[in-house]
């Protein structure tokens, strides 16, 4: 995959996560689900995940935001099997937020 393509995906992920965080605060879960589905489709187009949301690449090979999202997806999938629940965008977003210290320290306080 081209480096510029990966950089565009990185920016797309960062923007989408910020938008979804705002939507979560507004309790607009329908729009949040739609945007998350678009983000997953983008990951599929870049051949990072397949249609069953299984990773096709090692997260460590990706840029920072992409890596954290893929790791969050992977961790949410592991939890899903253990608890027998469906994987949701909220689970993945919460895992991503816990992993992203920069977002918690820099961006989140500006929202309040």
PDB file of N, CA and C in Angstrom:
ATOM      1  N   UNK A   1       0.856  -1.185   0.000  1.00  0.00           N
ATOM      2  CA  UNK A   1       0.000   0.000   0.000  1.00  0.00           C
ATOM      3  C   UNK A   1       0.894   1.237   0.000  1.00  0.00           C
ATOM      4  N   UNK A   2       0.488   2.245  -0.718  1.00  0.00           N
ATOM      5  CA  UNK A   2       1.271   3.463  -0.825  1.00  0.00           C
ATOM      6  C   UNK A   2       1.298   4.214   0.489  1.00  0.00           C
ATOM      7  N   UNK A   3       2.417   4.868   0.734  1.00  0.00           N
ATOM      8  CA  UNK A   3       2.574   5.625   1.981  1.00  0.00           C
ATOM      9  C   UNK A   3       1.539   6.746   2.076  1.00  0.00           C
ATOM     10  N   UNK A   4       1.285   7.440   0.969  1.00  0.00           N
ATOM     11  CA  UNK A   4       0.307   8.535   0.999  1.00  0.00           C
ATOM     12  C   UNK A   4      -1.101   8.010   1.286  1.00  0.00           C
ATOM     13  N   UNK A   5      -1.410   6.826   0.791  1.00  0.00           N
ATOM     14  CA  UNK A   5      -2.705   6.211   1.062  1.00  0.00           C
ATOM     15  C   UNK A   5      -2.850   5.904   2.548  1.00  0.00           C
ATOM     16  N   UNK A   6      -1.791   5.414   3.160  1.00  0.00           N
ATOM     17  CA  UNK A   6      -1.810   5.119   4.597  1.00  0.00           C
ATOM     18  C   UNK A   6      -1.931   6.397   5.420  1.00  0.00           C
ATOM     19  N   UNK A   7      -1.281   7.451   4.972  1.00  0.00           N
ATOM     20  CA  UNK A   7      -1.368   8.726   5.691  1.00  0.00           C
ATOM     21  C   UNK A   7      -2.778   9.314   5.601  1.00  0.00           C
ATOM     22  N   UNK A   8      -3.412   9.182   4.440  1.00  0.00           N
ATOM     23  CA  UNK A   8      -4.800   9.643   4.291  1.00  0.00           C
ATOM     24  C   UNK A   8      -5.737   8.826   5.182  1.00  0.00           C
ATOM     25  N   UNK A   9      -5.521   7.534   5.244  1.00  0.00           N
ATOM     26  CA  UNK A   9      -6.329   6.683   6.113  1.00  0.00           C
ATOM     27  C   UNK A   9      -6.122   7.075   7.568  1.00  0.00           C
ATOM     28  N   UNK A  10      -4.901   7.371   7.929  1.00  0.00           N
ATOM     29  CA  UNK A  10      -4.582   7.786   9.302  1.00  0.00           C
ATOM     30  C   UNK A  10      -5.381   9.038   9.686  1.00  0.00           C
ATOM     31  N   UNK A  11      -5.406  10.022   8.801  1.00  0.00           N
ATOM     32  CA  UNK A  11      -6.152  11.257   9.049  1.00  0.00           C
ATOM     33  C   UNK A  11      -7.657  10.980   9.096  1.00  0.00           C
ATOM     34  N   UNK A  12      -8.123  10.111   8.207  1.00  0.00           N
ATOM     35  CA  UNK A  12      -9.539   9.751   8.186  1.00  0.00           C
ATOM     36  C   UNK A  12      -9.960   9.095   9.506  1.00  0.00           C
ATOM     37  N   UNK A  13      -9.125   8.216  10.023  1.00  0.00           N
ATOM     38  CA  UNK A  13      -9.423   7.546  11.296  1.00  0.00           C
ATOM     39  C   UNK A  13      -9.466   8.552  12.431  1.00  0.00           C
ATOM     40  N   UNK A  14      -8.484   9.416  12.477  1.00  0.00           N
ATOM     41  CA  UNK A  14      -8.437  10.419  13.544  1.00  0.00           C
ATOM     42  C   UNK A  14      -9.683  11.314  13.513  1.00  0.00           C
ATOM     43  N   UNK A  15     -10.042  11.790  12.329  1.00  0.00           N
ATOM     44  CA  UNK A  15     -11.229  12.651  12.193  1.00  0.00           C
ATOM     45  C   UNK A  15     -12.504  11.901  12.574  1.00  0.00           C
ATOM     46  N   UNK A  16     -12.607  10.649  12.139  1.00  0.00           N
ATOM     47  CA  UNK A  16     -13.811   9.862  12.424  1.00  0.00           C
ATOM     48  C   UNK A  16     -13.958   9.595  13.921  1.00  0.00           C
ATOM     49  N   UNK A  17     -12.872   9.293  14.584  1.00  0.00           N
ATOM     50  CA  UNK A  17     -12.935   9.015  16.018  1.00  0.00           C
ATOM     51  C   UNK A  17     -13.358  10.271  16.779  1.00  0.00           C
ATOM     52  N   UNK A  18     -12.850  11.406  16.379  1.00  0.00           N
ATOM     53  CA  UNK A  18     -13.232  12.663  17.032  1.00  0.00           C
ATOM     54  C   UNK A  18     -14.724  12.938  16.802  1.00  0.00           C
ATOM     55  N   UNK A  19     -15.195  12.755  15.556  1.00  0.00           N
ATOM     56  CA  UNK A  19     -16.621  12.951  15.270  1.00  0.00           C
ATOM     57  C   UNK A  19     -17.476  11.988  16.084  1.00  0.00           C
ATOM     58  N   UNK A  20     -17.067  10.732  16.164  1.00  0.00           N
ATOM     59  CA  UNK A  20     -17.843   9.747  16.909  1.00  0.00           C
ATOM     60  C   UNK A  20     -17.850  10.049  18.410  1.00  0.00           C
ATOM     61  N   UNK A  21     -16.756  10.582  18.907  1.00  0.00           N
ATOM     62  CA  UNK A  21     -16.708  10.952  20.322  1.00  0.00           C
ATOM     63  C   UNK A  21     -17.721  12.058  20.611  1.00  0.00           C
ATOM     64  N   UNK A  22     -17.804  13.030  19.709  1.00  0.00           N
ATOM     65  CA  UNK A  22     -18.784  14.108  19.873  1.00  0.00           C
ATOM     66  C   UNK A  22     -20.210  13.572  19.784  1.00  0.00           C
ATOM     67  N   UNK A  23     -20.437  12.660  18.836  1.00  0.00           N
ATOM     68  CA  UNK A  23     -21.767  12.069  18.692  1.00  0.00           C
ATOM     69  C   UNK A  23     -22.153  11.259  19.928  1.00  0.00           C
ATOM     70  N   UNK A  24     -21.182  10.619  20.536  1.00  0.00           N
ATOM     71  CA  UNK A  24     -21.464   9.853  21.746  1.00  0.00           C
ATOM     72  C   UNK A  24     -21.881  10.788  22.877  1.00  0.00           C
ATOM     73  N   UNK A  25     -21.228  11.924  22.974  1.00  0.00           N
ATOM     74  CA  UNK A  25     -21.594  12.900  24.002  1.00  0.00           C
ATOM     75  C   UNK A  25     -22.997  13.430  23.772  1.00  0.00           C
ATOM     76  N   UNK A  26     -23.405  13.514  22.508  1.00  0.00           N
ATOM     77  CA  UNK A  26     -24.737  14.008  22.156  1.00  0.00           C
ATOM     78  C   UNK A  26     -25.783  12.891  22.155  1.00  0.00           C
ATOM     79  N   UNK A  27     -25.358  11.672  22.480  1.00  0.00           N
ATOM     80  CA  UNK A  27     -26.237  10.487  22.474  1.00  0.00           C
ATOM     81  C   UNK A  27     -26.869  10.237  21.112  1.00  0.00           C
ATOM     82  N   UNK A  28     -26.155  10.563  20.040  1.00  0.00           N
ATOM     83  CA  UNK A  28     -26.630  10.321  18.675  1.00  0.00           C
ATOM     84  C   UNK A  28     -26.009   9.013  18.172  1.00  0.00           C
ATOM     85  N   UNK A  29     -26.516   7.915  18.722  1.00  0.00           N
ATOM     86  CA  UNK A  29     -25.912   6.613  18.430  1.00  0.00           C
ATOM     87  C   UNK A  29     -26.203   6.117  17.022  1.00  0.00           C
ATOM     88  N   UNK A  30     -27.298   6.544  16.427  1.00  0.00           N
ATOM     89  CA  UNK A  30     -27.606   6.134  15.058  1.00  0.00           C
ATOM     90  C   UNK A  30     -26.569   6.709  14.089  1.00  0.00           C
ATOM     91  N   UNK A  31     -26.274   7.993  14.215  1.00  0.00           N
ATOM     92  CA  UNK A  31     -25.261   8.621  13.353  1.00  0.00           C
ATOM     93  C   UNK A  31     -23.876   8.061  13.668  1.00  0.00           C
ATOM     94  N   UNK A  32     -23.626   7.805  14.922  1.00  0.00           N
ATOM     95  CA  UNK A  32     -22.345   7.226  15.336  1.00  0.00           C
ATOM     96  C   UNK A  32     -22.152   5.855  14.671  1.00  0.00           C
ATOM     97  N   UNK A  33     -23.188   5.052  14.643  1.00  0.00           N
ATOM     98  CA  UNK A  33     -23.129   3.736  14.001  1.00  0.00           C
ATOM     99  C   UNK A  33     -22.872   3.873  12.506  1.00  0.00           C
ATOM    100  N   UNK A  34     -23.538   4.835  11.880  1.00  0.00           N
ATOM    101  CA  UNK A  34     -23.356   5.035  10.442  1.00  0.00           C
ATOM    102  C   UNK A  34     -21.917   5.420  10.115  1.00  0.00           C
ATOM    103  N   UNK A  35     -21.376   6.356  10.888  1.00  0.00           N
ATOM    104  CA  UNK A  35     -20.005   6.801  10.637  1.00  0.00           C
ATOM    105  C   UNK A  35     -18.990   5.701  10.934  1.00  0.00           C
ATOM    106  N   UNK A  36     -19.283   4.897  11.962  1.00  0.00           N
ATOM    107  CA  UNK A  36     -18.378   3.808  12.277  1.00  0.00           C
ATOM    108  C   UNK A  36     -18.396   2.758  11.166  1.00  0.00           C
ATOM    109  N   UNK A  37     -19.567   2.504  10.598  1.00  0.00           N
ATOM    110  CA  UNK A  37     -19.673   1.561   9.480  1.00  0.00           C
ATOM    111  C   UNK A  37     -18.861   2.068   8.283  1.00  0.00           C
ATOM    112  N   UNK A  38     -18.901   3.377   8.042  1.00  0.00           N
ATOM    113  CA  UNK A  38     -18.095   3.967   6.961  1.00  0.00           C
ATOM    114  C   UNK A  38     -16.605   3.793   7.234  1.00  0.00           C
ATOM    115  N   UNK A  39     -16.209   3.947   8.492  1.00  0.00           N
ATOM    116  CA  UNK A  39     -14.800   3.782   8.857  1.00  0.00           C
ATOM    117  C   UNK A  39     -14.360   2.334   8.646  1.00  0.00           C
ATOM    118  N   UNK A  40     -15.191   1.391   9.040  1.00  0.00           N
ATOM    119  CA  UNK A  40     -14.863  -0.025   8.831  1.00  0.00           C
ATOM    120  C   UNK A  40     -14.780  -0.343   7.339  1.00  0.00           C
ATOM    121  N   UNK A  41     -15.667   0.243   6.544  1.00  0.00           N
ATOM    122  CA  UNK A  41     -15.619   0.038   5.094  1.00  0.00           C
ATOM    123  C   UNK A  41     -14.311   0.582   4.515  1.00  0.00           C
ATOM    124  N   UNK A  42     -13.856   1.690   5.054  1.00  0.00           N
ATOM    125  CA  UNK A  42     -12.584   2.256   4.599  1.00  0.00           C
ATOM    126  C   UNK A  42     -11.416   1.327   4.956  1.00  0.00           C
ATOM    127  N   UNK A  43     -11.459   0.753   6.148  1.00  0.00           N
ATOM    128  CA  UNK A  43     -10.419  -0.211   6.532  1.00  0.00           C
ATOM    129  C   UNK A  43     -10.444  -1.421   5.598  1.00  0.00           C
ATOM    130  N   UNK A  44     -11.633  -1.832   5.179  1.00  0.00           N
ATOM    131  CA  UNK A  44     -11.750  -2.955   4.238  1.00  0.00           C
ATOM    132  C   UNK A  44     -11.199  -2.578   2.869  1.00  0.00           C
ATOM    133  N   UNK A  45     -11.499  -1.366   2.410  1.00  0.00           N
ATOM    134  CA  UNK A  45     -10.978  -0.913   1.107  1.00  0.00           C
ATOM    135  C   UNK A  45      -9.453  -0.887   1.089  1.00  0.00           C
ATOM    136  N   UNK A  46      -8.872  -0.557   2.223  1.00  0.00           N
ATOM    137  CA  UNK A  46      -7.409  -0.518   2.323  1.00  0.00           C
ATOM    138  C   UNK A  46      -6.831  -1.895   2.651  1.00  0.00           C
ATOM    139  N   UNK A  47      -7.692  -2.901   2.682  1.00  0.00           N
ATOM    140  CA  UNK A  47      -7.317  -4.293   2.915  1.00  0.00           C
ATOM    141  C   UNK A  47      -6.595  -4.500   4.247  1.00  0.00           C
ATOM    142  N   UNK A  48      -7.101  -3.822   5.283  1.00  0.00           N
ATOM    143  CA  UNK A  48      -6.575  -4.004   6.630  1.00  0.00           C
ATOM    144  C   UNK A  48      -7.432  -4.987   7.428  1.00  0.00           C
ATOM    145  N   UNK A  49      -8.730  -5.081   7.061  1.00  0.00           N
ATOM    146  CA  UNK A  49      -9.635  -6.044   7.675  1.00  0.00           C
ATOM    147  C   UNK A  49     -10.470  -6.687   6.574  1.00  0.00           C
ATOM    148  N   UNK A  50     -11.039  -7.843   6.885  1.00  0.00           N
ATOM    149  CA  UNK A  50     -11.934  -8.467   5.914  1.00  0.00           C
ATOM    150  C   UNK A  50     -13.381  -8.185   6.295  1.00  0.00           C
ATOM    151  N   UNK A  51     -14.316  -8.772   5.575  1.00  0.00           N
ATOM    152  CA  UNK A  51     -15.726  -8.476   5.816  1.00  0.00           C
ATOM    153  C   UNK A  51     -16.228  -9.001   7.156  1.00  0.00           C
ATOM    154  N   UNK A  52     -15.518  -9.965   7.744  1.00  0.00           N
ATOM    155  CA  UNK A  52     -15.899 -10.462   9.067  1.00  0.00           C
ATOM    156  C   UNK A  52     -15.134  -9.734  10.174  1.00  0.00           C
ATOM    157  N   UNK A  53     -14.486  -8.610   9.839  1.00  0.00           N
ATOM    158  CA  UNK A  53     -13.738  -7.737  10.744  1.00  0.00           C
ATOM    159  C   UNK A  53     -12.479  -8.389  11.325  1.00  0.00           C
ATOM    160  N   UNK A  54     -11.987  -9.431  10.663  1.00  0.00           N
ATOM    161  CA  UNK A  54     -10.730 -10.052  11.076  1.00  0.00           C
ATOM    162  C   UNK A  54      -9.569  -9.250  10.480  1.00  0.00           C
ATOM    163  N   UNK A  55      -8.518  -9.073  11.262  1.00  0.00           N
ATOM    164  CA  UNK A  55      -7.369  -8.299  10.789  1.00  0.00           C
ATOM    165  C   UNK A  55      -6.623  -9.054   9.704  1.00  0.00           C
ATOM    166  N   UNK A  56      -6.220  -8.332   8.667  1.00  0.00           N
ATOM    167  CA  UNK A  56      -5.439  -8.904   7.575  1.00  0.00           C
ATOM    168  C   UNK A  56      -3.985  -8.485   7.646  1.00  0.00           C
ATOM    169  N   UNK A  57      -3.687  -7.555   8.537  1.00  0.00           N
ATOM    170  CA  UNK A  57      -2.317  -7.075   8.716  1.00  0.00           C
ATOM    171  C   UNK A  57      -1.990  -7.078  10.207  1.00  0.00           C
ATOM    172  N   UNK A  58      -0.742  -7.021  10.488  1.00  0.00           N
ATOM    173  CA  UNK A  58      -0.299  -6.900  11.878  1.00  0.00           C
ATOM    174  C   UNK A  58      -0.414  -5.423  12.274  1.00  0.00           C
ATOM    175  N   UNK A  59      -1.123  -5.102  13.359  1.00  0.00           N
ATOM    176  CA  UNK A  59      -1.286  -3.698  13.744  1.00  0.00           C
ATOM    177  C   UNK A  59       0.034  -2.944  13.901  1.00  0.00           C
ATOM    178  N   UNK A  60       1.070  -3.625  14.342  1.00  0.00           N
ATOM    179  CA  UNK A  60       2.365  -2.971  14.568  1.00  0.00           C
ATOM    180  C   UNK A  60       2.963  -2.401  13.276  1.00  0.00           C
ATOM    181  N   UNK A  61       2.502  -2.864  12.127  1.00  0.00           N
ATOM    182  CA  UNK A  61       3.019  -2.375  10.849  1.00  0.00           C
ATOM    183  C   UNK A  61       2.363  -1.070  10.408  1.00  0.00           C
ATOM    184  N   UNK A  62       1.333  -0.655  11.109  1.00  0.00           N
ATOM    185  CA  UNK A  62       0.541   0.508  10.692  1.00  0.00           C
ATOM    186  C   UNK A  62       0.965   1.773  11.440  1.00  0.00           C
ATOM    187  N   UNK A  63       0.473   2.905  10.945  1.00  0.00           N
ATOM    188  CA  UNK A  63       0.704   4.174  11.615  1.00  0.00           C
ATOM    189  C   UNK A  63      -0.073   4.214  12.924  1.00  0.00           C
ATOM    190  N   UNK A  64       0.196   5.195  13.758  1.00  0.00           N
ATOM    191  CA  UNK A  64      -0.280   5.248  15.139  1.00  0.00           C
ATOM    192  C   UNK A  64      -1.788   5.086  15.302  1.00  0.00           C
ATOM    193  N   UNK A  65      -2.599   5.940  14.682  1.00  0.00           N
ATOM    194  CA  UNK A  65      -4.056   5.885  14.855  1.00  0.00           C
ATOM    195  C   UNK A  65      -4.629   4.587  14.289  1.00  0.00           C
ATOM    196  N   UNK A  66      -4.117   4.183  13.138  1.00  0.00           N
ATOM    197  CA  UNK A  66      -4.567   2.946  12.511  1.00  0.00           C
ATOM    198  C   UNK A  66      -4.226   1.761  13.406  1.00  0.00           C
ATOM    199  N   UNK A  67      -3.033   1.776  13.942  1.00  0.00           N
ATOM    200  CA  UNK A  67      -2.597   0.702  14.838  1.00  0.00           C
ATOM    201  C   UNK A  67      -3.514   0.614  16.060  1.00  0.00           C
ATOM    202  N   UNK A  68      -3.807   1.745  16.680  1.00  0.00           N
ATOM    203  CA  UNK A  68      -4.659   1.742  17.871  1.00  0.00           C
ATOM    204  C   UNK A  68      -6.070   1.265  17.540  1.00  0.00           C
ATOM    205  N   UNK A  69      -6.601   1.674  16.389  1.00  0.00           N
ATOM    206  CA  UNK A  69      -7.941   1.247  15.998  1.00  0.00           C
ATOM    207  C   UNK A  69      -7.968  -0.263  15.755  1.00  0.00           C
ATOM    208  N   UNK A  70      -6.964  -0.775  15.050  1.00  0.00           N
ATOM    209  CA  UNK A  70      -6.914  -2.215  14.782  1.00  0.00           C
ATOM    210  C   UNK A  70      -6.736  -3.006  16.079  1.00  0.00           C
ATOM    211  N   UNK A  71      -5.900  -2.511  16.990  1.00  0.00           N
ATOM    212  CA  UNK A  71      -5.733  -3.183  18.275  1.00  0.00           C
ATOM    213  C   UNK A  71      -7.030  -3.143  19.084  1.00  0.00           C
ATOM    214  N   UNK A  72      -7.740  -2.029  19.025  1.00  0.00           N
ATOM    215  CA  UNK A  72      -9.016  -1.914  19.730  1.00  0.00           C
ATOM    216  C   UNK A  72     -10.043  -2.874  19.141  1.00  0.00           C
ATOM    217  N   UNK A  73     -10.061  -2.975  17.833  1.00  0.00           N
ATOM    218  CA  UNK A  73     -10.965  -3.902  17.166  1.00  0.00           C
ATOM    219  C   UNK A  73     -10.642  -5.344  17.577  1.00  0.00           C
ATOM    220  N   UNK A  74      -9.379  -5.657  17.588  1.00  0.00           N
ATOM    221  CA  UNK A  74      -8.932  -6.990  17.967  1.00  0.00           C
ATOM    222  C   UNK A  74      -9.319  -7.305  19.420  1.00  0.00           C
ATOM    223  N   UNK A  75      -9.077  -6.372  20.305  1.00  0.00           N
ATOM    224  CA  UNK A  75      -9.408  -6.565  21.720  1.00  0.00           C
ATOM    225  C   UNK A  75     -10.920  -6.681  21.922  1.00  0.00           C
ATOM    226  N   UNK A  76     -11.694  -5.877  21.215  1.00  0.00           N
ATOM    227  CA  UNK A  76     -13.157  -5.948  21.325  1.00  0.00           C
ATOM    228  C   UNK A  76     -13.669  -7.294  20.819  1.00  0.00           C
ATOM    229  N   UNK A  77     -13.050  -7.814  19.777  1.00  0.00           N
ATOM    230  CA  UNK A  77     -13.454  -9.118  19.264  1.00  0.00           C
ATOM    231  C   UNK A  77     -13.170 -10.212  20.288  1.00  0.00           C
ATOM    232  N   UNK A  78     -12.060 -10.118  20.970  1.00  0.00           N
ATOM    233  CA  UNK A  78     -11.725 -11.111  21.989  1.00  0.00           C
ATOM    234  C   UNK A  78     -12.715 -11.041  23.142  1.00  0.00           C
ATOM    235  N   UNK A  79     -13.122  -9.869  23.515  1.00  0.00           N
ATOM    236  CA  UNK A  79     -14.111  -9.707  24.577  1.00  0.00           C
ATOM    237  C   UNK A  79     -15.466 -10.234  24.129  1.00  0.00           C
ATOM    238  N   UNK A  80     -15.799 -10.029  22.877  1.00  0.00           N
ATOM    239  CA  UNK A  80     -17.088 -10.453  22.340  1.00  0.00           C
ATOM    240  C   UNK A  80     -17.263 -11.956  22.508  1.00  0.00           C
ATOM    241  N   UNK A  81     -16.249 -12.713  22.172  1.00  0.00           N
ATOM    242  CA  UNK A  81     -16.364 -14.162  22.266  1.00  0.00           C
ATOM    243  C   UNK A  81     -16.513 -14.608  23.714  1.00  0.00           C
ATOM    244  N   UNK A  82     -15.835 -13.924  24.585  1.00  0.00           N
ATOM    245  CA  UNK A  82     -15.874 -14.292  25.994  1.00  0.00           C
ATOM    246  C   UNK A  82     -17.236 -13.981  26.603  1.00  0.00           C
ATOM    247  N   UNK A  83     -17.834 -12.896  26.212  1.00  0.00           N
ATOM    248  CA  UNK A  83     -19.101 -12.484  26.813  1.00  0.00           C
ATOM    249  C   UNK A  83     -20.308 -12.828  25.946  1.00  0.00           C
ATOM    250  N   UNK A  84     -20.064 -13.395  24.754  1.00  0.00           N
ATOM    251  CA  UNK A  84     -21.143 -13.789  23.850  1.00  0.00           C
ATOM    252  C   UNK A  84     -22.043 -12.616  23.476  1.00  0.00           C
ATOM    253  N   UNK A  85     -21.443 -11.470  23.244  1.00  0.00           N
ATOM    254  CA  UNK A  85     -22.209 -10.290  22.827  1.00  0.00           C
ATOM    255  C   UNK A  85     -21.741  -9.827  21.466  1.00  0.00           C
ATOM    256  N   UNK A  86     -22.571  -9.046  20.809  1.00  0.00           N
ATOM    257  CA  UNK A  86     -22.197  -8.495  19.515  1.00  0.00           C
ATOM    258  C   UNK A  86     -21.158  -7.401  19.680  1.00  0.00           C
ATOM    259  N   UNK A  87     -20.289  -7.287  18.720  1.00  0.00           N
ATOM    260  CA  UNK A  87     -19.285  -6.237  18.694  1.00  0.00           C
ATOM    261  C   UNK A  87     -19.971  -4.929  18.316  1.00  0.00           C
ATOM    262  N   UNK A  88     -19.730  -3.879  19.090  1.00  0.00           N
ATOM    263  CA  UNK A  88     -20.360  -2.597  18.784  1.00  0.00           C
ATOM    264  C   UNK A  88     -19.311  -1.516  18.619  1.00  0.00           C
ATOM    265  N   UNK A  89     -19.708  -0.458  17.928  1.00  0.00           N
ATOM    266  CA  UNK A  89     -18.826   0.681  17.741  1.00  0.00           C
ATOM    267  C   UNK A  89     -18.477   1.303  19.088  1.00  0.00           C
ATOM    268  N   UNK A  90     -19.403   1.262  20.040  1.00  0.00           N
ATOM    269  CA  UNK A  90     -19.136   1.860  21.350  1.00  0.00           C
ATOM    270  C   UNK A  90     -18.028   1.115  22.085  1.00  0.00           C
ATOM    271  N   UNK A  91     -18.019  -0.216  21.990  1.00  0.00           N
ATOM    272  CA  UNK A  91     -16.958  -0.991  22.620  1.00  0.00           C
ATOM    273  C   UNK A  91     -15.605  -0.605  22.035  1.00  0.00           C
ATOM    274  N   UNK A  92     -15.544  -0.554  20.715  1.00  0.00           N
ATOM    275  CA  UNK A  92     -14.274  -0.244  20.052  1.00  0.00           C
ATOM    276  C   UNK A  92     -13.848   1.185  20.365  1.00  0.00           C
ATOM    277  N   UNK A  93     -14.799   2.119  20.369  1.00  0.00           N
ATOM    278  CA  UNK A  93     -14.473   3.508  20.680  1.00  0.00           C
ATOM    279  C   UNK A  93     -13.948   3.640  22.106  1.00  0.00           C
ATOM    280  N   UNK A  94     -14.568   2.952  23.050  1.00  0.00           N
ATOM    281  CA  UNK A  94     -14.108   3.031  24.441  1.00  0.00           C
ATOM    282  C   UNK A  94     -12.701   2.460  24.582  1.00  0.00           C
ATOM    283  N   UNK A  95     -12.423   1.362  23.906  1.00  0.00           N
ATOM    284  CA  UNK A  95     -11.072   0.789  23.941  1.00  0.00           C
ATOM    285  C   UNK A  95     -10.073   1.752  23.312  1.00  0.00           C
ATOM    286  N   UNK A  96     -10.463   2.373  22.194  1.00  0.00           N
ATOM    287  CA  UNK A  96      -9.576   3.325  21.527  1.00  0.00           C
ATOM    288  C   UNK A  96      -9.279   4.507  22.446  1.00  0.00           C
ATOM    289  N   UNK A  97     -10.307   5.014  23.122  1.00  0.00           N
ATOM    290  CA  UNK A  97     -10.113   6.155  24.010  1.00  0.00           C
ATOM    291  C   UNK A  97      -9.159   5.816  25.149  1.00  0.00           C
ATOM    292  N   UNK A  98      -9.270   4.605  25.674  1.00  0.00           N
ATOM    293  CA  UNK A  98      -8.351   4.204  26.748  1.00  0.00           C
ATOM    294  C   UNK A  98      -6.919   4.116  26.269  1.00  0.00           C
ATOM    295  N   UNK A  99      -6.721   3.719  25.023  1.00  0.00           N
ATOM    296  CA  UNK A  99      -5.374   3.565  24.472  1.00  0.00           C
ATOM    297  C   UNK A  99      -4.762   4.904  24.054  1.00  0.00           C
ATOM    298  N   UNK A 100      -5.594   5.873  23.689  1.00  0.00           N
ATOM    299  CA  UNK A 100      -5.093   7.116  23.120  1.00  0.00           C
ATOM    300  C   UNK A 100      -4.900   8.170  24.204  1.00  0.00           C
ATOM    301  N   UNK A 101      -3.752   8.170  24.810  1.00  0.00           N
ATOM    302  CA  UNK A 101      -3.427   9.099  25.895  1.00  0.00           C
ATOM    303  C   UNK A 101      -3.393  10.538  25.379  1.00  0.00           C
ATOM    304  N   UNK A 102      -2.850  10.751  24.180  1.00  0.00           N
ATOM    305  CA  UNK A 102      -2.768  12.097  23.609  1.00  0.00           C
ATOM    306  C   UNK A 102      -4.166  12.702  23.489  1.00  0.00           C
ATOM    307  N   UNK A 103      -5.104  11.914  22.981  1.00  0.00           N
ATOM    308  CA  UNK A 103      -6.476  12.412  22.824  1.00  0.00           C
ATOM    309  C   UNK A 103      -7.056  12.774  24.179  1.00  0.00           C
ATOM    310  N   UNK A 104      -6.844  11.940  25.174  1.00  0.00           N
ATOM    311  CA  UNK A 104      -7.392  12.183  26.507  1.00  0.00           C
ATOM    312  C   UNK A 104      -6.817  13.454  27.123  1.00  0.00           C
ATOM    313  N   UNK A 105      -5.538  13.686  26.911  1.00  0.00           N
ATOM    314  CA  UNK A 105      -4.881  14.833  27.552  1.00  0.00           C
ATOM    315  C   UNK A 105      -5.018  16.133  26.772  1.00  0.00           C
ATOM    316  N   UNK A 106      -4.999  16.035  25.448  1.00  0.00           N
ATOM    317  CA  UNK A 106      -4.978  17.243  24.624  1.00  0.00           C
ATOM    318  C   UNK A 106      -6.357  17.660  24.119  1.00  0.00           C
ATOM    319  N   UNK A 107      -7.092  16.732  23.553  1.00  0.00           N
ATOM    320  CA  UNK A 107      -8.312  17.104  22.854  1.00  0.00           C
ATOM    321  C   UNK A 107      -9.548  17.069  23.763  1.00  0.00           C
ATOM    322  N   UNK A 108      -9.699  16.015  24.536  1.00  0.00           N
ATOM    323  CA  UNK A 108     -10.904  15.839  25.341  1.00  0.00           C
ATOM    324  C   UNK A 108     -11.191  17.011  26.281  1.00  0.00           C
ATOM    325  N   UNK A 109     -10.190  17.559  26.980  1.00  0.00           N
ATOM    326  CA  UNK A 109     -10.483  18.693  27.867  1.00  0.00           C
ATOM    327  C   UNK A 109     -11.030  19.933  27.138  1.00  0.00           C
ATOM    328  N   UNK A 110     -10.710  20.072  25.853  1.00  0.00           N
ATOM    329  CA  UNK A 110     -11.190  21.229  25.092  1.00  0.00           C
ATOM    330  C   UNK A 110     -12.677  21.124  24.787  1.00  0.00           C
ATOM    331  N   UNK A 111     -13.249  19.921  24.897  1.00  0.00           N
ATOM    332  CA  UNK A 111     -14.665  19.738  24.607  1.00  0.00           C
ATOM    333  C   UNK A 111     -15.564  20.263  25.715  1.00  0.00           C
ATOM    334  N   UNK A 112     -14.989  20.483  26.896  1.00  0.00           N
ATOM    335  CA  UNK A 112     -15.810  20.905  28.052  1.00  0.00           C
ATOM    336  C   UNK A 112     -15.543  22.337  28.430  1.00  0.00           C
TER     337      UNK A 112
END
